[in-house]
């Protein structure tokens, strides 16, 4: 296993522990962690920006701060943001923020929580 380099990939998605109505967040949290662990296996740095659906986050400043924290090569937008019609306005906001604050970063979409590295790898140069 290579040591991870400084973060090149930002993952934006939902915090599994802050999704109202989700009875057991442990399986989803474990799948996300497995997906994040895969970055270290490949020596690729990753950071997350996980937002809650509990209404406690002011999402625009939170996501903007993460996007502006460094130059990202890729931003992975999590499936929870993309698969719910109810979250469509938030997805649009996230994509707009990426375009505004990380305009040179590739944008990737994962097939599932454990496929975060796979999504980023398709877009990394």
N, C-alpha and C. Protein backbone atom coordinates (compact mmCIF):
# COMPACT_ATOMS: atom_id res chain seq x y z
N UNK A 1 0.84 -1.17 0.00
CA UNK A 1 0.00 0.00 0.00
C UNK A 1 0.89 1.24 0.00
N UNK A 2 0.66 2.13 -0.96
CA UNK A 2 1.39 3.40 -1.01
C UNK A 2 0.84 4.35 0.04
N UNK A 3 1.69 5.23 0.59
CA UNK A 3 1.14 6.25 1.48
C UNK A 3 0.33 7.25 0.65
N UNK A 4 -0.75 7.73 1.22
CA UNK A 4 -1.60 8.69 0.51
C UNK A 4 -0.88 10.03 0.37
N UNK A 5 -0.98 10.62 -0.79
CA UNK A 5 -0.43 11.94 -1.02
C UNK A 5 -1.42 12.97 -0.52
N UNK A 6 -1.05 14.23 -0.64
CA UNK A 6 -1.98 15.26 -0.20
C UNK A 6 -3.26 15.16 -1.01
N UNK A 7 -4.36 15.57 -0.40
CA UNK A 7 -5.66 15.37 -1.05
C UNK A 7 -5.74 15.98 -2.44
N UNK A 8 -6.24 15.17 -3.34
CA UNK A 8 -6.48 15.58 -4.72
C UNK A 8 -7.95 15.47 -5.06
N UNK A 9 -8.66 14.71 -4.23
CA UNK A 9 -10.06 14.41 -4.51
C UNK A 9 -10.91 14.86 -3.33
N UNK A 10 -12.00 15.54 -3.64
CA UNK A 10 -12.98 15.92 -2.63
C UNK A 10 -14.25 15.14 -2.91
N UNK A 11 -14.79 14.51 -1.88
CA UNK A 11 -16.05 13.79 -1.98
C UNK A 11 -17.11 14.61 -1.26
N UNK A 12 -18.16 14.98 -1.98
CA UNK A 12 -19.28 15.72 -1.39
C UNK A 12 -20.47 14.78 -1.35
N UNK A 13 -21.05 14.64 -0.17
CA UNK A 13 -22.20 13.76 -0.04
C UNK A 13 -22.88 13.96 1.30
N UNK A 14 -23.78 13.06 1.60
CA UNK A 14 -24.53 13.13 2.85
C UNK A 14 -23.82 12.38 3.96
N UNK A 15 -23.89 12.94 5.15
CA UNK A 15 -23.38 12.29 6.35
C UNK A 15 -24.40 11.20 6.71
N UNK A 16 -24.00 9.93 6.66
CA UNK A 16 -24.97 8.86 6.90
C UNK A 16 -25.57 8.89 8.31
N UNK A 17 -24.87 9.53 9.23
CA UNK A 17 -25.37 9.61 10.62
C UNK A 17 -26.37 10.75 10.80
N UNK A 18 -26.59 11.53 9.75
CA UNK A 18 -27.48 12.68 9.86
C UNK A 18 -28.55 12.67 8.76
N UNK A 19 -29.02 11.48 8.45
CA UNK A 19 -30.11 11.32 7.48
C UNK A 19 -31.36 10.95 8.26
N UNK A 20 -32.31 11.87 8.38
CA UNK A 20 -33.53 11.56 9.13
C UNK A 20 -34.25 10.34 8.54
N UNK A 21 -34.72 9.49 9.43
CA UNK A 21 -35.47 8.32 9.01
C UNK A 21 -34.63 7.10 8.69
N UNK A 22 -33.32 7.26 8.61
CA UNK A 22 -32.45 6.12 8.36
C UNK A 22 -32.27 5.39 9.69
N UNK A 23 -32.83 4.20 9.78
CA UNK A 23 -32.84 3.46 11.05
C UNK A 23 -31.44 3.05 11.51
N UNK A 24 -30.63 2.55 10.59
CA UNK A 24 -29.30 2.07 10.95
C UNK A 24 -28.30 2.65 9.96
N UNK A 25 -27.55 3.64 10.40
CA UNK A 25 -26.58 4.30 9.52
C UNK A 25 -25.28 3.52 9.39
N UNK A 26 -25.07 2.52 10.25
CA UNK A 26 -23.79 1.81 10.27
C UNK A 26 -23.43 1.15 8.93
N UNK A 27 -24.34 0.44 8.26
CA UNK A 27 -23.95 -0.18 6.98
C UNK A 27 -23.56 0.85 5.92
N UNK A 28 -24.29 1.96 5.85
CA UNK A 28 -23.97 3.00 4.87
C UNK A 28 -22.65 3.66 5.23
N UNK A 29 -22.44 3.96 6.51
CA UNK A 29 -21.18 4.56 6.95
C UNK A 29 -20.01 3.63 6.65
N UNK A 30 -20.18 2.34 6.85
CA UNK A 30 -19.12 1.37 6.57
C UNK A 30 -18.81 1.30 5.08
N UNK A 31 -19.84 1.36 4.25
CA UNK A 31 -19.63 1.33 2.79
C UNK A 31 -18.89 2.58 2.33
N UNK A 32 -19.26 3.73 2.87
CA UNK A 32 -18.57 4.98 2.53
C UNK A 32 -17.10 4.89 2.96
N UNK A 33 -16.87 4.40 4.18
CA UNK A 33 -15.49 4.28 4.67
C UNK A 33 -14.69 3.32 3.80
N UNK A 34 -15.30 2.24 3.36
CA UNK A 34 -14.60 1.30 2.47
C UNK A 34 -14.22 2.00 1.16
N UNK A 35 -15.13 2.81 0.65
CA UNK A 35 -14.84 3.56 -0.56
C UNK A 35 -13.71 4.56 -0.36
N UNK A 36 -13.67 5.20 0.80
CA UNK A 36 -12.61 6.16 1.10
C UNK A 36 -11.28 5.44 1.32
N UNK A 37 -11.31 4.29 1.96
CA UNK A 37 -10.08 3.52 2.21
C UNK A 37 -9.38 3.12 0.92
N UNK A 38 -10.15 2.95 -0.13
CA UNK A 38 -9.58 2.55 -1.42
C UNK A 38 -8.62 3.62 -1.97
N UNK A 39 -8.85 4.88 -1.63
CA UNK A 39 -7.94 5.93 -2.08
C UNK A 39 -6.54 5.70 -1.53
N UNK A 40 -6.43 5.37 -0.25
CA UNK A 40 -5.12 5.13 0.37
C UNK A 40 -4.42 3.95 -0.28
N UNK A 41 -5.17 2.91 -0.63
CA UNK A 41 -4.59 1.74 -1.29
C UNK A 41 -3.88 2.16 -2.57
N UNK A 42 -4.43 3.16 -3.26
CA UNK A 42 -3.89 3.62 -4.53
C UNK A 42 -3.01 4.86 -4.39
N UNK A 43 -2.76 5.29 -3.15
CA UNK A 43 -1.88 6.44 -2.92
C UNK A 43 -2.47 7.76 -3.35
N UNK A 44 -3.78 7.86 -3.35
CA UNK A 44 -4.46 9.09 -3.75
C UNK A 44 -5.09 9.73 -2.52
N UNK A 45 -4.78 11.00 -2.30
CA UNK A 45 -5.35 11.71 -1.16
C UNK A 45 -6.80 12.07 -1.40
N UNK A 46 -7.59 12.03 -0.32
CA UNK A 46 -9.02 12.32 -0.41
C UNK A 46 -9.46 13.04 0.85
N UNK A 47 -10.40 13.93 0.70
CA UNK A 47 -11.08 14.56 1.83
C UNK A 47 -12.57 14.49 1.56
N UNK A 48 -13.35 14.64 2.61
CA UNK A 48 -14.80 14.61 2.45
C UNK A 48 -15.43 15.91 2.92
N UNK A 49 -16.56 16.20 2.33
CA UNK A 49 -17.44 17.28 2.77
C UNK A 49 -18.82 16.62 2.88
N UNK A 50 -19.12 16.15 4.08
CA UNK A 50 -20.38 15.44 4.30
C UNK A 50 -21.37 16.38 4.98
N UNK A 51 -22.53 16.49 4.39
CA UNK A 51 -23.55 17.40 4.91
C UNK A 51 -24.71 16.59 5.46
N UNK A 52 -25.37 17.17 6.42
CA UNK A 52 -26.51 16.50 7.03
C UNK A 52 -27.81 16.88 6.36
N UNK A 53 -28.75 15.99 6.46
CA UNK A 53 -30.10 16.27 5.99
C UNK A 53 -31.00 16.65 7.15
N UNK A 54 -30.40 16.91 8.30
CA UNK A 54 -31.17 17.23 9.49
C UNK A 54 -31.45 18.73 9.62
N UNK A 55 -31.02 19.52 8.64
CA UNK A 55 -31.28 20.96 8.65
C UNK A 55 -30.29 21.77 9.45
N UNK A 56 -29.28 21.14 10.03
CA UNK A 56 -28.32 21.86 10.87
C UNK A 56 -27.22 22.56 10.06
N UNK A 57 -27.03 22.17 8.81
CA UNK A 57 -25.95 22.74 8.02
C UNK A 57 -26.44 23.87 7.13
N UNK A 58 -25.61 24.90 7.02
CA UNK A 58 -25.79 25.92 6.00
C UNK A 58 -24.91 25.45 4.85
N UNK A 59 -25.51 24.73 3.92
CA UNK A 59 -24.74 23.96 2.94
C UNK A 59 -23.85 24.80 2.04
N UNK A 60 -24.32 25.94 1.57
CA UNK A 60 -23.51 26.71 0.63
C UNK A 60 -22.16 27.12 1.23
N UNK A 61 -22.10 27.74 2.41
CA UNK A 61 -20.78 28.09 2.96
C UNK A 61 -19.93 26.87 3.30
N UNK A 62 -20.56 25.80 3.75
CA UNK A 62 -19.82 24.59 4.10
C UNK A 62 -19.15 23.99 2.87
N UNK A 63 -19.90 23.84 1.80
CA UNK A 63 -19.37 23.27 0.56
C UNK A 63 -18.37 24.22 -0.08
N UNK A 64 -18.67 25.51 -0.07
CA UNK A 64 -17.74 26.51 -0.63
C UNK A 64 -16.40 26.46 0.07
N UNK A 65 -16.40 26.38 1.40
CA UNK A 65 -15.15 26.32 2.16
C UNK A 65 -14.35 25.08 1.77
N UNK A 66 -15.01 23.96 1.63
CA UNK A 66 -14.31 22.73 1.24
C UNK A 66 -13.72 22.86 -0.17
N UNK A 67 -14.50 23.39 -1.08
CA UNK A 67 -14.03 23.54 -2.45
C UNK A 67 -12.86 24.51 -2.56
N UNK A 68 -12.86 25.53 -1.74
CA UNK A 68 -11.81 26.56 -1.81
C UNK A 68 -10.60 26.22 -0.96
N UNK A 69 -10.64 25.12 -0.21
CA UNK A 69 -9.55 24.80 0.71
C UNK A 69 -8.25 24.39 0.01
N UNK A 70 -8.33 23.98 -1.23
CA UNK A 70 -7.15 23.61 -2.02
C UNK A 70 -7.58 23.43 -3.47
N UNK A 71 -6.61 23.21 -4.34
CA UNK A 71 -6.91 22.94 -5.75
C UNK A 71 -7.21 21.45 -5.88
N UNK A 72 -8.43 21.12 -6.25
CA UNK A 72 -8.85 19.72 -6.39
C UNK A 72 -8.68 19.28 -7.83
N UNK A 73 -8.26 18.05 -8.01
CA UNK A 73 -8.20 17.48 -9.35
C UNK A 73 -9.55 16.88 -9.73
N UNK A 74 -10.28 16.44 -8.72
CA UNK A 74 -11.57 15.79 -8.97
C UNK A 74 -12.49 16.01 -7.78
N UNK A 75 -13.75 16.21 -8.06
CA UNK A 75 -14.79 16.27 -7.03
C UNK A 75 -15.80 15.18 -7.34
N UNK A 76 -15.98 14.27 -6.39
CA UNK A 76 -16.97 13.20 -6.54
C UNK A 76 -18.25 13.65 -5.84
N UNK A 77 -19.34 13.63 -6.58
CA UNK A 77 -20.66 14.00 -6.04
C UNK A 77 -21.39 12.71 -5.71
N UNK A 78 -21.70 12.52 -4.42
CA UNK A 78 -22.30 11.29 -3.94
C UNK A 78 -23.69 11.01 -4.49
N UNK A 79 -24.02 9.74 -4.51
CA UNK A 79 -25.28 9.28 -5.08
C UNK A 79 -26.51 9.78 -4.37
N UNK A 80 -26.44 10.01 -3.06
CA UNK A 80 -27.60 10.52 -2.33
C UNK A 80 -28.07 11.86 -2.86
N UNK A 81 -27.14 12.65 -3.35
CA UNK A 81 -27.48 13.95 -3.93
C UNK A 81 -28.14 13.80 -5.30
N UNK A 82 -27.84 12.70 -5.98
CA UNK A 82 -28.28 12.57 -7.37
C UNK A 82 -29.52 11.70 -7.54
N UNK A 83 -29.85 10.90 -6.58
CA UNK A 83 -30.88 9.89 -6.81
C UNK A 83 -32.26 10.26 -6.29
N UNK A 84 -32.36 11.39 -5.64
CA UNK A 84 -33.63 11.80 -5.06
C UNK A 84 -34.15 13.07 -5.72
N UNK A 85 -35.36 13.00 -6.25
CA UNK A 85 -35.96 14.21 -6.85
C UNK A 85 -36.07 15.31 -5.81
N UNK A 86 -36.25 14.94 -4.57
CA UNK A 86 -36.36 15.91 -3.48
C UNK A 86 -35.05 16.69 -3.29
N UNK A 87 -33.92 16.08 -3.63
CA UNK A 87 -32.61 16.72 -3.46
C UNK A 87 -32.12 17.42 -4.72
N UNK A 88 -32.92 17.46 -5.77
CA UNK A 88 -32.51 18.08 -7.03
C UNK A 88 -32.03 19.53 -6.87
N UNK A 89 -32.72 20.39 -6.10
CA UNK A 89 -32.20 21.75 -5.92
C UNK A 89 -30.81 21.77 -5.26
N UNK A 90 -30.58 20.88 -4.32
CA UNK A 90 -29.27 20.82 -3.67
C UNK A 90 -28.22 20.33 -4.66
N UNK A 91 -28.55 19.35 -5.47
CA UNK A 91 -27.61 18.87 -6.49
C UNK A 91 -27.23 20.01 -7.44
N UNK A 92 -28.21 20.77 -7.87
CA UNK A 92 -27.93 21.91 -8.76
C UNK A 92 -27.01 22.91 -8.07
N UNK A 93 -27.25 23.17 -6.79
CA UNK A 93 -26.40 24.09 -6.03
C UNK A 93 -24.98 23.56 -5.94
N UNK A 94 -24.82 22.27 -5.65
CA UNK A 94 -23.50 21.67 -5.54
C UNK A 94 -22.74 21.78 -6.86
N UNK A 95 -23.37 21.44 -7.96
CA UNK A 95 -22.71 21.52 -9.27
C UNK A 95 -22.32 22.96 -9.58
N UNK A 96 -23.19 23.90 -9.29
CA UNK A 96 -22.88 25.32 -9.51
C UNK A 96 -21.70 25.76 -8.66
N UNK A 97 -21.65 25.33 -7.41
CA UNK A 97 -20.55 25.68 -6.53
C UNK A 97 -19.23 25.08 -7.02
N UNK A 98 -19.28 23.86 -7.50
CA UNK A 98 -18.07 23.24 -8.06
C UNK A 98 -17.59 24.05 -9.25
N UNK A 99 -18.48 24.41 -10.12
CA UNK A 99 -18.10 25.19 -11.31
C UNK A 99 -17.52 26.54 -10.92
N UNK A 100 -18.04 27.12 -9.86
CA UNK A 100 -17.60 28.45 -9.42
C UNK A 100 -16.28 28.41 -8.65
N UNK A 101 -16.12 27.42 -7.77
CA UNK A 101 -14.98 27.44 -6.84
C UNK A 101 -13.91 26.39 -7.11
N UNK A 102 -14.18 25.47 -8.00
CA UNK A 102 -13.19 24.44 -8.36
C UNK A 102 -13.32 24.15 -9.85
N UNK A 103 -13.24 25.22 -10.61
CA UNK A 103 -13.57 25.12 -12.04
C UNK A 103 -12.61 24.27 -12.86
N UNK A 104 -11.44 23.96 -12.32
CA UNK A 104 -10.52 23.08 -13.06
C UNK A 104 -10.65 21.62 -12.65
N UNK A 105 -11.44 21.35 -11.63
CA UNK A 105 -11.61 19.98 -11.15
C UNK A 105 -12.56 19.20 -12.05
N UNK A 106 -12.21 17.96 -12.28
CA UNK A 106 -13.13 17.06 -12.96
C UNK A 106 -14.26 16.72 -11.98
N UNK A 107 -15.43 16.42 -12.51
CA UNK A 107 -16.56 16.03 -11.68
C UNK A 107 -16.86 14.57 -11.98
N UNK A 108 -17.01 13.79 -10.91
CA UNK A 108 -17.29 12.35 -11.06
C UNK A 108 -18.51 11.97 -10.24
N UNK A 109 -19.16 10.90 -10.66
CA UNK A 109 -20.33 10.37 -9.98
C UNK A 109 -20.09 8.90 -9.69
N UNK A 110 -20.26 8.53 -8.44
CA UNK A 110 -20.03 7.14 -8.06
C UNK A 110 -21.29 6.30 -8.23
N UNK A 111 -21.06 5.00 -8.44
CA UNK A 111 -22.18 4.07 -8.62
C UNK A 111 -22.76 3.61 -7.29
N UNK A 112 -22.01 3.76 -6.23
CA UNK A 112 -22.44 3.37 -4.89
C UNK A 112 -21.42 3.86 -3.90
N UNK A 113 -21.73 3.78 -2.60
CA UNK A 113 -20.83 4.34 -1.60
C UNK A 113 -19.44 3.71 -1.55
N UNK A 114 -19.33 2.46 -1.93
CA UNK A 114 -18.02 1.83 -1.90
C UNK A 114 -17.24 2.05 -3.20
N UNK A 115 -17.83 2.73 -4.17
CA UNK A 115 -17.19 2.96 -5.48
C UNK A 115 -16.68 4.39 -5.64
N UNK A 116 -16.31 5.03 -4.54
CA UNK A 116 -15.84 6.41 -4.61
C UNK A 116 -14.52 6.51 -5.38
N UNK A 117 -13.56 5.65 -5.06
CA UNK A 117 -12.27 5.70 -5.76
C UNK A 117 -12.46 5.39 -7.24
N UNK A 118 -13.24 4.38 -7.53
CA UNK A 118 -13.48 4.00 -8.93
C UNK A 118 -13.99 5.19 -9.74
N UNK A 119 -14.90 5.95 -9.16
CA UNK A 119 -15.44 7.13 -9.85
C UNK A 119 -14.34 8.16 -10.09
N UNK A 120 -13.57 8.46 -9.05
CA UNK A 120 -12.51 9.45 -9.19
C UNK A 120 -11.44 8.99 -10.17
N UNK A 121 -11.09 7.72 -10.12
CA UNK A 121 -10.02 7.19 -10.98
C UNK A 121 -10.36 7.37 -12.46
N UNK A 122 -11.64 7.29 -12.80
CA UNK A 122 -12.03 7.48 -14.20
C UNK A 122 -11.70 8.89 -14.66
N UNK A 123 -11.67 9.83 -13.74
CA UNK A 123 -11.50 11.24 -14.12
C UNK A 123 -10.11 11.81 -13.83
N UNK A 124 -9.31 11.11 -13.00
CA UNK A 124 -7.97 11.60 -12.68
C UNK A 124 -7.04 11.39 -13.85
N UNK A 125 -6.17 12.32 -14.04
CA UNK A 125 -5.20 12.22 -15.15
C UNK A 125 -3.98 11.45 -14.70
